[in-house]
C-alpha atoms as a PDB file:
ATOM      1  CA  MET A   1      97.502-119.520-212.309  1.00  0.00           C
ATOM      2  CA  GLU A   2     101.388-121.096-211.671  1.00  0.00           C
ATOM      3  CA  ASN A   3     101.511-117.779-209.616  1.00  0.00           C
ATOM      4  CA  LEU A   4      98.615-117.907-208.059  1.00  0.00           C
ATOM      5  CA  PRO A   5      99.239-118.260-204.235  1.00  0.00           C
ATOM      6  CA  ILE A   6     102.135-115.783-205.100  1.00  0.00           C
ATOM      7  CA  GLU A   7      99.278-112.952-206.276  1.00  0.00           C
ATOM      8  CA  ILE A   8      97.702-113.401-203.702  1.00  0.00           C
ATOM      9  CA  LEU A   9     100.459-113.812-200.316  1.00  0.00           C
ATOM     10  CA  ALA A  10     101.241-110.387-202.248  1.00  0.00           C
ATOM     11  CA  TYR A  11      98.448-108.471-202.305  1.00  0.00           C
ATOM     12  CA  ILE A  12      97.944-109.384-198.092  1.00  0.00           C
ATOM     13  CA  PHE A  13     101.959-107.780-197.713  1.00  0.00           C
ATOM     14  CA  GLU A  14     100.963-104.522-199.594  1.00  0.00           C
ATOM     15  CA  PHE A  15      98.765-103.850-196.285  1.00  0.00           C
ATOM     16  CA  LEU A  16     100.828-105.364-193.511  1.00  0.00           C
ATOM     17  CA  VAL A  17     103.655-104.651-191.115  1.00  0.00           C
ATOM     18  CA  LEU A  18     106.285-106.804-189.965  1.00  0.00           C
ATOM     19  CA  ASP A  19     106.458-107.156-185.868  1.00  0.00           C
ATOM     20  CA  LYS A  20     107.062-110.398-184.382  1.00  0.00           C
ATOM     21  CA  THR A  21     103.071-111.335-184.149  1.00  0.00           C
ATOM     22  CA  THR A  22     102.330-110.587-187.586  1.00  0.00           C
ATOM     23  CA  VAL A  23     106.254-113.077-188.636  1.00  0.00           C
ATOM     24  CA  GLU A  24     104.476-115.681-187.034  1.00  0.00           C
ATOM     25  CA  THR A  25     101.463-115.461-188.343  1.00  0.00           C
ATOM     26  CA  LEU A  26     103.486-115.672-191.729  1.00  0.00           C
ATOM     27  CA  VAL A  27     105.700-118.505-191.460  1.00  0.00           C
ATOM     28  CA  GLN A  28     102.118-120.556-189.707  1.00  0.00           C
ATOM     29  CA  ILE A  29     100.098-119.436-193.507  1.00  0.00           C
ATOM     30  CA  CYS A  30     103.035-119.992-195.963  1.00  0.00           C
ATOM     31  CA  LYS A  31     104.201-124.042-194.205  1.00  0.00           C
ATOM     32  CA  ASP A  32      99.963-124.681-194.136  1.00  0.00           C
ATOM     33  CA  TRP A  33      99.746-123.064-197.952  1.00  0.00           C
ATOM     34  CA  THR A  34     103.343-124.541-199.306  1.00  0.00           C
ATOM     35  CA  GLU A  35     102.255-128.053-198.024  1.00  0.00           C
ATOM     36  CA  ALA A  36      98.605-128.380-198.608  1.00  0.00           C
ATOM     37  CA  LEU A  37      99.646-127.289-202.601  1.00  0.00           C
ATOM     38  CA  GLY A  38     102.414-130.185-202.094  1.00  0.00           C
ATOM     39  CA  ILE A  39     105.151-127.756-202.789  1.00  0.00           C
ATOM     40  CA  VAL A  40     107.453-128.348-199.297  1.00  0.00           C
ATOM     41  CA  GLN A  41     107.333-131.501-197.333  1.00  0.00           C
ATOM     42  CA  LYS A  42     106.009-130.798-193.247  1.00  0.00           C
ATOM     43  CA  ASN A  43     108.839-128.205-191.729  1.00  0.00           C
ATOM     44  CA  ASP A  44     110.316-128.116-194.620  1.00  0.00           C
ATOM     45  CA  HIS A  45     111.851-123.665-194.356  1.00  0.00           C
ATOM     46  CA  LYS A  46     111.503-123.891-197.276  1.00  0.00           C
ATOM     47  CA  SER A  47     107.701-123.078-196.213  1.00  0.00           C
ATOM     48  CA  PHE A  48     109.021-119.165-195.825  1.00  0.00           C
ATOM     49  CA  ILE A  49     110.992-119.399-199.684  1.00  0.00           C
ATOM     50  CA  ILE A  50     106.744-117.673-200.809  1.00  0.00           C
ATOM     51  CA  GLY A  51     106.619-115.214-198.155  1.00  0.00           C
ATOM     52  CA  PHE A  52     110.114-113.926-199.688  1.00  0.00           C
ATOM     53  CA  TYR A  53     109.625-113.624-203.147  1.00  0.00           C
ATOM     54  CA  CYS A  54     106.223-111.187-202.279  1.00  0.00           C
ATOM     55  CA  LEU A  55     108.514-109.668-200.223  1.00  0.00           C
ATOM     56  CA  CYS A  56     110.863-108.808-203.186  1.00  0.00           C
ATOM     57  CA  LYS A  57     108.222-107.794-205.870  1.00  0.00           C
ATOM     58  CA  LEU A  58     106.990-105.538-203.249  1.00  0.00           C
ATOM     59  CA  GLY A  59     109.907-103.931-202.803  1.00  0.00           C
ATOM     60  CA  LYS A  60     109.852-104.369-199.622  1.00  0.00           C
ATOM     61  CA  HIS A  61     113.535-103.963-198.978  1.00  0.00           C
ATOM     62  CA  LYS A  62     113.099-103.275-194.447  1.00  0.00           C
ATOM     63  CA  GLU A  63     111.110-106.062-194.492  1.00  0.00           C
ATOM     64  CA  LEU A  64     112.962-108.360-196.362  1.00  0.00           C
ATOM     65  CA  LYS A  65     115.923-107.912-194.244  1.00  0.00           C
ATOM     66  CA  TYR A  66     113.949-108.488-191.343  1.00  0.00           C
ATOM     67  CA  LEU A  67     113.080-111.322-192.532  1.00  0.00           C
ATOM     68  CA  GLN A  68     116.823-112.788-193.110  1.00  0.00           C
ATOM     69  CA  LYS A  69     117.227-111.881-189.824  1.00  0.00           C
ATOM     70  CA  VAL A  70     114.643-114.388-188.512  1.00  0.00           C
ATOM     71  CA  PHE A  71     115.061-117.386-191.010  1.00  0.00           C
ATOM     72  CA  ASN A  72     118.691-117.259-192.350  1.00  0.00           C
ATOM     73  CA  PHE A  73     117.636-116.756-196.321  1.00  0.00           C
ATOM     74  CA  THR A  74     120.735-118.605-198.547  1.00  0.00           C
ATOM     75  CA  ALA A  75     121.660-118.374-201.930  1.00  0.00           C
ATOM     76  CA  GLU A  76     120.190-120.970-202.950  1.00  0.00           C
ATOM     77  CA  ASP A  77     117.103-120.128-201.722  1.00  0.00           C
ATOM     78  CA  ALA A  78     116.954-116.834-203.575  1.00  0.00           C
ATOM     79  CA  ARG A  79     118.740-118.231-206.550  1.00  0.00           C
ATOM     80  CA  SER A  80     114.932-121.367-206.347  1.00  0.00           C
ATOM     81  CA  CYS A  81     112.372-121.510-208.349  1.00  0.00           C
ATOM     82  CA  CYS A  82     113.955-118.876-211.589  1.00  0.00           C
ATOM     83  CA  ASN A  83     115.744-116.939-209.715  1.00  0.00           C
ATOM     84  CA  GLU A  84     111.659-115.347-208.733  1.00  0.00           C
ATOM     85  CA  ALA A  85     113.377-113.074-206.210  1.00  0.00           C
ATOM     86  CA  MET A  86     115.770-110.908-207.562  1.00  0.00           C
ATOM     87  CA  ARG A  87     113.453-111.170-211.089  1.00  0.00           C
ATOM     88  CA  SER A  88     110.458-110.119-209.480  1.00  0.00           C
ATOM     89  CA  SER A  89     111.969-107.338-207.211  1.00  0.00           C
ATOM     90  CA  CYS A  90     114.201-106.437-210.937  1.00  0.00           C
ATOM     91  CA  GLY A  91     110.124-106.569-212.877  1.00  0.00           C
ATOM     92  CA  ASN A  92     108.773-104.487-210.380  1.00  0.00           C
ATOM     93  CA  GLY A  93     111.582-101.624-210.357  1.00  0.00           C
ATOM     94  CA  HIS A  94     113.027-102.704-206.759  1.00  0.00           C
ATOM     95  CA  LEU A  95     116.514-101.020-207.540  1.00  0.00           C
ATOM     96  CA  LEU A  96     117.048-101.197-203.555  1.00  0.00           C
ATOM     97  CA  VAL A  97     115.849-104.571-203.557  1.00  0.00           C
ATOM     98  CA  ALA A  98     117.863-106.193-206.205  1.00  0.00           C
ATOM     99  CA  GLN A  99     120.829-103.922-204.956  1.00  0.00           C
ATOM    100  CA  TRP A 100     120.274-106.240-201.440  1.00  0.00           C
ATOM    101  CA  LEU A 101     119.529-109.236-203.537  1.00  0.00           C
ATOM    102  CA  THR A 102     122.637-108.575-204.693  1.00  0.00           C
ATOM    103  CA  SER A 103     124.881-107.830-201.891  1.00  0.00           C
ATOM    104  CA  THR A 104     123.427-110.767-199.559  1.00  0.00           C
ATOM    105  CA  PHE A 105     123.087-112.818-202.283  1.00  0.00           C
ATOM    106  CA  ASN A 106     125.712-112.437-204.439  1.00  0.00           C
ATOM    107  CA  LEU A 107     123.752-112.536-206.978  1.00  0.00           C
ATOM    108  CA  THR A 108     124.851-111.711-210.599  1.00  0.00           C
ATOM    109  CA  ALA A 109     122.649-109.905-214.177  1.00  0.00           C
ATOM    110  CA  GLU A 110     122.651-113.129-214.969  1.00  0.00           C
ATOM    111  CA  ASP A 111     119.937-114.662-212.008  1.00  0.00           C
ATOM    112  CA  ALA A 112     117.435-111.469-213.447  1.00  0.00           C
ATOM    113  CA  ARG A 113     116.673-112.636-216.667  1.00  0.00           C
END
């Protein structure tokens, strides 16, 4: 049950094409959702991290690069939640995303475990 928000967003992201309007909507959904679940405080930039995890899980490389430019995620963000970004990309066979995470955030094989 704890992964339910990520699973729902992952399903939604399978059908999204990320443009400026979609990203703005995504930002609002993630903020509302994480605040409602008590994951973060209001206006915390980490409100957007669930979307980041979902895109990693789905192997959405182009969209991840775009969100990285918009939100400027850090290595700490990429490693948060027990390295969810790397584990979900590797666990779902998304080599390109795993390589991008490795090069962008200096993640290691240990981060995938």
